[in-house]
Amino acid sequence: MGRSKGVIISVKVPINWEIMTERTKQRLREALGRDTRVIHAFLRIIEQHEDELLIGKNKNRIDSSKLDQLTMTSLKVKSGFKQRPNVPHDFKTRFPRISQNELQECRQTAVALFESYRALKGMKGRFASRPTSINCSRRIPRWIFTQRFQLYEKKTSISRWWLDVRDSLDSVHEGRVHHDRLNIPLKMSPYHLNQINKGEIKALQIFTDRKRKWWASIAVRIHTTGILKSDFPVAILGIDLGIEKAGCSTLLTPEKVRETRFFVQKDKVINLLKYDNLVADLQRELHLRRVAGLDSDEVSRRLRRIRSKRERVLHESMIGFLFGSYLTISRNYPRNIHSMLLLVV
């Protein structure tokens, strides 16, 4: 996305994948795979011509216009500009199932990835991994801007909120001016709606997580005019989570450290110790059975169940601590603190 004076927040909404038609699912997979290949191709071109594309005082930004001159032909140009009937790397010929607007969105995504790498390289040096070293099996979604999608409400029993996204897989290849559309149902909650209504929708990103669950990330621009105007100081509530001690909280203000507290959850420590002992016993039994050549499937199943129970105890206790400690501390802190930022370390 382009630079903005406002604050950009990202609202992550799950896609109602189960009720989608098989055709829509397949088109979504194909589009995401195509975008990934295009973005990888842009990244390779940027690395190949890195010296001539880098601009800025610290050489940490990419000149997008020069990248266009390397990858995209241009026959319809404004007066005063030259046509580009031939370019060294013709992406329109190489990727015939993507429109020019979508090519530009893939280019902007690739440029943002490479600029992030350059910024990270300034901090980590040679330990920063290059974008082209990303595993090719990992899909990289592009940022879709508002001209290519629309969020709308449709009062149906299946889903209330839908995304209408442009689909150019066939229409561009066939030379059609009006592109096909994909209707994607969302699992929208009141929280998501409240976050979206805070500002103006600017962009969309559709992706899958490690568990192959589909999500829609909606970028919302919030204008900050007048938000920070207040007579009260801003405070930061920092929380560091632990194991034997549930956590430590510290309130920081521009003047000083206001208060530091430690929280202990005895039930959590006892439960975790119990599950740790069970895991150790099962691991010992599993090792002995494998050495003796005996069947160990049942022990493995019990071990997986115990591990999931332990993780659930740890996760639930952390959530309870966060909410409980925040409410307890906020009642005891001075009243002149108007706003607090919750920081979990």
Protein backbone atom coordinates (compact mmCIF):
# COMPACT_ATOMS: atom_id res chain seq x y z
CA MET A 1 0.00 0.00 0.00
CA GLY A 2 1.04 3.55 -0.57
CA ARG A 3 2.25 5.83 2.18
CA SER A 4 -0.51 7.47 4.21
CA LYS A 5 -0.74 10.19 6.83
CA GLY A 6 -3.41 8.24 8.68
CA VAL A 7 -3.13 5.13 10.82
CA ILE A 8 -3.71 1.81 9.02
CA ILE A 9 -5.25 -1.07 10.97
CA SER A 10 -5.77 -4.58 9.67
CA VAL A 11 -9.02 -6.43 10.41
CA LYS A 12 -8.59 -10.19 10.01
CA VAL A 13 -11.91 -11.85 9.14
CA PRO A 14 -12.33 -15.63 8.60
CA ILE A 15 -13.74 -16.74 5.24
CA ASN A 16 -16.75 -19.05 5.37
CA TRP A 17 -14.96 -21.68 3.30
CA GLU A 18 -17.43 -24.51 4.00
CA ILE A 19 -20.40 -22.91 2.19
CA MET A 20 -18.47 -21.80 -0.91
CA THR A 21 -19.02 -23.60 -4.20
CA GLU A 22 -16.27 -25.86 -5.55
CA ARG A 23 -15.78 -23.54 -8.53
CA THR A 24 -15.23 -20.50 -6.31
CA LYS A 25 -12.79 -22.45 -4.13
CA GLN A 26 -10.81 -23.58 -7.17
CA ARG A 27 -10.74 -20.08 -8.68
CA LEU A 28 -9.50 -18.65 -5.39
CA ARG A 29 -6.71 -21.24 -5.21
CA GLU A 30 -5.70 -20.56 -8.82
CA ALA A 31 -5.68 -16.78 -8.34
CA LEU A 32 -3.58 -17.00 -5.18
CA GLY A 33 -1.13 -19.38 -6.85
CA ARG A 34 -0.86 -17.11 -9.88
CA ASP A 35 -0.22 -14.04 -7.70
CA THR A 36 2.50 -15.93 -5.82
CA ARG A 37 4.31 -16.81 -9.05
CA VAL A 38 4.08 -13.21 -10.29
CA ILE A 39 5.39 -11.79 -6.99
CA HIS A 40 8.29 -14.26 -6.99
CA ALA A 41 9.09 -13.22 -10.56
CA PHE A 42 9.11 -9.53 -9.57
CA LEU A 43 11.41 -10.28 -6.63
CA ARG A 44 13.87 -12.08 -8.90
CA ILE A 45 13.88 -9.13 -11.33
CA ILE A 46 14.47 -6.71 -8.44
CA GLU A 47 17.43 -8.76 -7.20
CA GLN A 48 18.84 -9.02 -10.72
CA HIS A 49 18.70 -5.22 -11.25
CA GLU A 50 19.07 -4.21 -7.60
CA ASP A 51 21.84 -1.64 -8.14
CA GLU A 52 19.92 0.38 -10.73
CA LEU A 53 16.54 0.15 -8.96
CA LEU A 54 17.59 1.29 -5.47
CA ILE A 55 16.99 4.97 -4.73
CA GLY A 56 16.97 7.23 -1.69
CA LYS A 57 19.62 8.55 0.62
CA ASN A 58 20.21 5.15 2.25
CA LYS A 59 19.48 3.12 -0.90
CA ASN A 60 16.60 1.35 0.80
CA ARG A 61 13.72 2.10 -1.62
CA ILE A 62 12.85 0.68 -5.03
CA ASP A 63 12.06 2.92 -8.01
CA SER A 64 8.72 1.46 -9.19
CA SER A 65 8.76 3.41 -12.48
CA LYS A 66 12.10 1.85 -13.48
CA LEU A 67 10.76 -1.57 -12.52
CA ASP A 68 7.80 -0.97 -14.86
CA GLN A 69 10.21 -0.12 -17.66
CA LEU A 70 11.83 -3.52 -17.19
CA THR A 71 8.68 -5.63 -16.93
CA MET A 72 5.61 -4.02 -18.56
CA THR A 73 5.03 -2.82 -22.10
CA SER A 74 3.03 0.36 -22.68
CA LEU A 75 1.38 1.35 -25.95
CA LYS A 76 -1.29 3.78 -24.74
CA VAL A 77 0.64 6.60 -23.11
CA LYS A 78 0.03 10.24 -22.25
CA SER A 79 1.43 13.03 -24.36
CA GLY A 80 5.09 13.59 -23.62
CA PHE A 81 5.79 9.96 -22.74
CA LYS A 82 7.38 7.32 -24.96
CA GLN A 83 5.78 4.03 -25.86
CA ARG A 84 7.37 0.79 -24.65
CA PRO A 85 6.56 -1.88 -27.24
CA ASN A 86 9.40 -4.07 -25.96
CA VAL A 87 10.85 -4.56 -22.48
CA PRO A 88 13.60 -6.90 -21.21
CA HIS A 89 11.12 -8.96 -19.14
CA ASP A 90 7.62 -8.88 -20.65
CA PHE A 91 5.32 -9.95 -17.81
CA LYS A 92 2.15 -9.43 -19.88
CA THR A 93 3.31 -12.17 -22.25
CA ARG A 94 4.72 -14.34 -19.49
CA PHE A 95 1.53 -14.19 -17.38
CA PRO A 96 -1.40 -13.91 -19.80
CA ARG A 97 -4.12 -14.63 -17.18
CA ILE A 98 -3.59 -11.49 -15.10
CA SER A 99 -4.73 -7.93 -15.81
CA GLN A 100 -2.43 -4.92 -15.80
CA ASN A 101 -3.99 -3.56 -12.60
CA GLU A 102 -3.37 -6.86 -10.86
CA LEU A 103 0.20 -6.88 -12.16
CA GLN A 104 0.73 -3.49 -10.55
CA GLU A 105 -0.69 -4.78 -7.25
CA CYS A 106 1.71 -7.74 -7.37
CA ARG A 107 4.54 -5.34 -8.17
CA GLN A 108 3.69 -3.15 -5.16
CA THR A 109 3.57 -6.23 -2.91
CA ALA A 110 6.99 -7.38 -4.17
CA VAL A 111 8.46 -3.89 -3.75
CA ALA A 112 7.13 -3.71 -0.17
CA LEU A 113 8.68 -7.12 0.63
CA PHE A 114 12.06 -6.08 -0.76
CA GLU A 115 12.04 -2.71 1.01
CA SER A 116 11.24 -4.50 4.28
CA TYR A 117 14.22 -6.76 3.61
CA ARG A 118 16.48 -3.75 3.05
CA ALA A 119 15.31 -2.17 6.32
CA LEU A 120 15.89 -5.47 8.14
CA LYS A 121 19.31 -5.81 6.56
CA GLY A 122 20.28 -2.46 8.04
CA MET A 123 19.63 -3.89 11.51
CA LYS A 124 20.70 -7.54 11.16
CA GLY A 125 23.26 -7.31 8.37
CA ARG A 126 23.95 -10.55 6.55
CA PHE A 127 21.63 -12.49 8.86
CA ALA A 128 18.57 -10.96 7.16
CA SER A 129 17.03 -13.48 4.74
CA ARG A 130 16.38 -12.33 1.19
CA PRO A 131 12.77 -12.43 -0.10
CA THR A 132 13.69 -14.86 -2.90
CA SER A 133 14.83 -17.38 -0.29
CA ILE A 134 11.21 -17.87 0.80
CA ASN A 135 10.01 -21.42 0.27
CA CYS A 136 8.23 -21.59 -3.10
CA SER A 137 5.43 -23.71 -1.58
CA ARG A 138 4.42 -20.77 0.60
CA ARG A 139 1.79 -18.59 -1.02
CA ILE A 140 2.32 -14.83 -1.03
CA PRO A 141 -0.95 -12.88 -1.45
CA ARG A 142 -1.08 -9.49 -3.11
CA TRP A 143 -2.79 -6.41 -1.68
CA ILE A 144 -6.03 -5.82 -3.62
CA PHE A 145 -7.13 -2.19 -3.68
CA THR A 146 -10.67 -0.83 -3.46
CA GLN A 147 -11.20 -0.54 -7.22
CA ARG A 148 -10.96 -4.34 -7.51
CA PHE A 149 -13.19 -5.46 -4.62
CA GLN A 150 -16.26 -4.46 -2.65
CA LEU A 151 -17.57 -5.39 0.79
CA TYR A 152 -21.35 -5.60 0.81
CA GLU A 153 -24.19 -6.83 3.00
CA LYS A 154 -26.61 -9.46 1.76
CA LYS A 155 -29.30 -10.66 4.15
CA THR A 156 -29.28 -14.40 3.51
CA SER A 157 -29.35 -17.42 5.78
CA ILE A 158 -25.97 -18.57 4.46
CA SER A 159 -23.90 -15.49 5.22
CA ARG A 160 -24.69 -11.83 5.79
CA TRP A 161 -21.43 -10.19 4.66
CA TRP A 162 -19.75 -10.91 1.34
CA LEU A 163 -16.70 -9.86 -0.64
CA ASP A 164 -17.11 -9.16 -4.35
CA VAL A 165 -13.63 -9.59 -5.89
CA ARG A 166 -12.56 -9.19 -9.51
CA ASP A 167 -11.60 -12.45 -11.23
CA SER A 168 -9.55 -11.99 -14.40
CA LEU A 169 -8.31 -15.56 -14.91
CA ASP A 170 -10.46 -16.15 -18.01
CA SER A 171 -11.72 -12.70 -18.97
CA VAL A 172 -8.25 -11.23 -19.67
CA HIS A 173 -7.15 -14.31 -21.64
CA GLU A 174 -10.32 -14.12 -23.76
CA GLY A 175 -9.97 -10.35 -24.31
CA ARG A 176 -13.16 -9.39 -22.47
CA VAL A 177 -13.42 -5.87 -21.08
CA HIS A 178 -15.79 -6.74 -18.22
CA HIS A 179 -14.10 -9.14 -15.82
CA ASP A 180 -15.71 -12.01 -13.96
CA ARG A 181 -16.49 -11.67 -10.26
CA LEU A 182 -16.02 -13.92 -7.23
CA ASN A 183 -18.45 -13.73 -4.31
CA ILE A 184 -16.74 -14.78 -1.07
CA PRO A 185 -18.78 -15.20 2.16
CA LEU A 186 -17.29 -13.93 5.43
CA LYS A 187 -17.79 -14.87 9.08
CA MET A 188 -18.23 -11.29 10.24
CA SER A 189 -18.70 -10.54 13.94
CA PRO A 190 -19.73 -7.27 15.69
CA TYR A 191 -16.07 -6.73 16.63
CA HIS A 192 -15.01 -6.86 12.98
CA LEU A 193 -17.77 -4.41 11.99
CA ASN A 194 -16.80 -1.97 14.75
CA GLN A 195 -13.17 -2.01 13.62
CA ILE A 196 -14.09 -1.55 9.95
CA ASN A 197 -16.47 1.32 10.76
CA LYS A 198 -13.64 3.26 12.43
CA GLY A 199 -12.32 4.47 9.11
CA GLU A 200 -12.17 3.94 5.36
CA ILE A 201 -11.52 0.58 3.69
CA LYS A 202 -8.41 0.85 1.50
CA ALA A 203 -7.17 -2.64 0.61
CA LEU A 204 -7.78 -6.36 0.94
CA GLN A 205 -5.56 -9.41 1.25
CA ILE A 206 -6.79 -13.01 0.97
CA PHE A 207 -4.46 -15.67 2.38
CA THR A 208 -4.22 -19.03 4.15
CA ASP A 209 -2.51 -19.72 7.46
CA ARG A 210 -0.38 -22.71 8.43
CA LYS A 211 -3.50 -24.75 9.17
CA ARG A 212 -4.78 -23.96 5.66
CA LYS A 213 -7.62 -21.85 6.97
CA TRP A 214 -8.68 -19.01 4.68
CA TRP A 215 -8.74 -15.41 5.88
CA ALA A 216 -9.51 -11.96 4.52
CA SER A 217 -7.37 -9.14 5.92
CA ILE A 218 -9.06 -5.75 5.40
CA ALA A 219 -6.88 -2.64 5.68
CA VAL A 220 -8.74 0.33 7.20
CA ARG A 221 -7.32 3.84 7.27
CA ILE A 222 -8.14 5.75 10.47
CA HIS A 223 -7.63 9.48 10.40
CA THR A 224 -5.85 10.55 13.60
CA THR A 225 -6.95 14.21 13.59
CA GLY A 226 -7.91 15.11 17.14
CA ILE A 227 -7.49 11.63 18.60
CA LEU A 228 -4.48 12.41 20.77
CA LYS A 229 -5.68 15.82 21.97
CA SER A 230 -6.19 15.35 25.70
CA ASP A 231 -5.08 16.83 29.02
CA PHE A 232 -4.29 13.37 30.37
CA PRO A 233 -0.96 11.56 29.90
CA VAL A 234 -0.66 8.36 27.90
CA ALA A 235 0.43 5.28 29.83
CA ILE A 236 1.77 1.89 28.74
CA LEU A 237 0.84 -1.22 30.68
CA GLY A 238 3.58 -3.79 30.00
CA ILE A 239 2.94 -7.46 30.84
CA ASP A 240 5.60 -10.19 30.82
CA LEU A 241 4.15 -13.70 30.96
CA GLY A 242 5.88 -16.40 33.00
CA ILE A 243 5.47 -20.04 34.07
CA GLU A 244 5.76 -20.41 37.85
CA LYS A 245 4.63 -16.81 38.20
CA ALA A 246 1.76 -15.97 35.88
CA GLY A 247 3.31 -12.66 34.97
CA CYS A 248 4.65 -9.27 35.89
CA SER A 249 2.92 -5.98 35.03
CA THR A 250 4.47 -2.52 34.98
CA LEU A 251 2.80 0.81 34.28
CA LEU A 252 4.99 3.31 32.42
CA THR A 253 4.19 7.01 32.05
CA PRO A 254 6.25 9.84 30.54
CA GLU A 255 7.35 10.82 34.07
CA LYS A 256 8.26 7.53 35.72
CA VAL A 257 7.45 3.88 36.37
CA ARG A 258 4.20 4.07 38.31
CA GLU A 259 3.71 0.58 39.67
CA THR A 260 5.09 -2.95 39.31
CA ARG A 261 3.18 -6.06 40.39
CA PHE A 262 3.74 -9.82 40.30
CA PHE A 263 0.89 -12.30 39.90
CA VAL A 264 0.91 -15.97 40.89
CA GLN A 265 -1.53 -18.71 39.82
CA LYS A 266 -0.94 -21.70 42.09
CA ASP A 267 -3.51 -23.90 40.31
CA LYS A 268 -1.72 -23.36 37.01
CA VAL A 269 1.67 -24.40 38.44
CA ILE A 270 0.18 -27.56 40.00
CA ASN A 271 -1.62 -28.59 36.80
CA LEU A 272 1.44 -27.98 34.63
CA LEU A 273 3.63 -30.03 36.99
CA LYS A 274 1.11 -32.88 36.86
CA TYR A 275 1.05 -32.90 33.07
CA ASP A 276 4.85 -32.62 32.86
CA ASN A 277 5.22 -35.74 35.01
CA LEU A 278 2.68 -37.61 32.87
CA VAL A 279 4.48 -36.60 29.67
CA ALA A 280 7.82 -37.75 31.11
CA ASP A 281 6.37 -41.15 32.11
CA LEU A 282 4.75 -41.68 28.71
CA GLN A 283 7.91 -40.67 26.85
CA ARG A 284 9.89 -43.17 28.92
CA GLU A 285 7.36 -45.93 28.22
CA LEU A 286 7.31 -45.04 24.50
CA HIS A 287 11.10 -45.31 24.29
CA LEU A 288 11.18 -48.68 26.07
CA ARG A 289 8.45 -50.12 23.82
CA ARG A 290 10.22 -48.99 20.67
CA VAL A 291 13.53 -50.48 21.84
CA ALA A 292 11.80 -53.77 22.67
CA GLY A 293 9.98 -53.83 19.30
CA LEU A 294 6.50 -53.66 20.91
CA ASP A 295 3.42 -51.81 19.66
CA SER A 296 3.53 -48.16 20.79
CA ASP A 297 0.54 -46.62 18.94
CA GLU A 298 -1.65 -46.36 22.06
CA VAL A 299 1.13 -44.69 24.05
CA SER A 300 1.66 -42.19 21.22
CA ARG A 301 -2.05 -41.35 21.19
CA ARG A 302 -2.08 -40.82 24.96
CA LEU A 303 1.02 -38.63 24.68
CA ARG A 304 -0.62 -36.41 22.05
CA ARG A 305 -3.74 -36.02 24.20
CA ILE A 306 -1.73 -35.08 27.27
CA ARG A 307 0.30 -32.52 25.32
CA SER A 308 -2.83 -30.86 23.95
CA LYS A 309 -4.34 -30.72 27.46
CA ARG A 310 -1.17 -29.09 28.80
CA GLU A 311 -1.17 -26.46 26.06
CA ARG A 312 -4.84 -25.75 26.75
CA VAL A 313 -4.17 -25.20 30.47
CA LEU A 314 -1.28 -22.87 29.67
CA HIS A 315 -3.28 -20.92 27.07
CA GLU A 316 -6.41 -20.52 29.21
CA SER A 317 -4.44 -19.40 32.25
CA MET A 318 -2.62 -16.74 30.21
CA ILE A 319 -5.89 -15.34 28.84
CA GLY A 320 -7.42 -15.26 32.31
CA PHE A 321 -4.36 -13.53 33.67
CA LEU A 322 -4.37 -10.86 30.97
CA PHE A 323 -7.97 -9.88 31.51
CA GLY A 324 -7.88 -10.22 35.29
CA SER A 325 -4.67 -8.30 35.76
CA TYR A 326 -5.74 -5.54 33.39
CA LEU A 327 -9.02 -5.00 35.26
CA THR A 328 -7.38 -5.20 38.69
CA ILE A 329 -4.54 -2.82 37.87
CA SER A 330 -6.72 -0.30 36.03
CA ARG A 331 -8.90 0.14 39.15
CA ASN A 332 -5.87 0.90 41.33
CA TYR A 333 -3.92 3.17 39.00
CA PRO A 334 -4.26 6.96 39.35
CA ARG A 335 -7.37 8.42 37.76
CA ASN A 336 -5.48 11.04 35.78
CA ILE A 337 -4.30 8.33 33.37
CA HIS A 338 -6.67 8.71 30.47
CA SER A 339 -5.55 5.99 28.06
CA MET A 340 -3.40 2.89 28.39
CA LEU A 341 -1.68 0.76 25.77
CA LEU A 342 -1.56 -2.92 26.67
CA LEU A 343 1.85 -4.33 25.75
CA VAL A 344 2.38 -8.09 26.10
CA VAL A 345 6.02 -9.20 25.99
